[in-house]
């Protein structure tokens, strides 16, 4: 697996911070039938480098696979293997264990032309529609602040920085 500079305790603190916020003041899955959890096909999440440290690979709710960074679209600095996970029990996943990119959706971090980190609605091609993205919904201020704090910390890791930089092109 590719290695991260982020420690297990830091991952735990990041998860705790995001546990306290939500994009909207209700379960957004009620609006769309949990589309992001229920999408069919090859839908899942790549864990960020080091994020696997706080997940139990033996827990029954995630299906784990190991994939080569050479076979998919990753930054050149990502050399080796990464974890790809899928929820086996949608839409009933343990919310407190969701990966970072689930927790911060529908926002994604990008670097602006000035090099500053900013958050934008996720522009990834998805096999479902997200009402929050489509309507450019007003997101909770506490969610936006916590998400920005988390990503500012995460991009200190060179590999995660390179991923955000790669995803910034064309955003």
Foldseek 3Di string as FASTA:
>chain_A
DDAWPDDPVNLLVLLVLLVVFDFDPDPLCVVVVPCLQPPDDPHWDWADHPNCVPDDPPDDQKDKDKDACVVDDFFPVDGGITITIHTPDPPDDDSSSDGPVVSLPQWDWAQDPVRDIDIDGDPDDDPDDRPCNVVVNRTDPSSRVSNSVSLVVRCVIVRSVRRRHVVRVPD
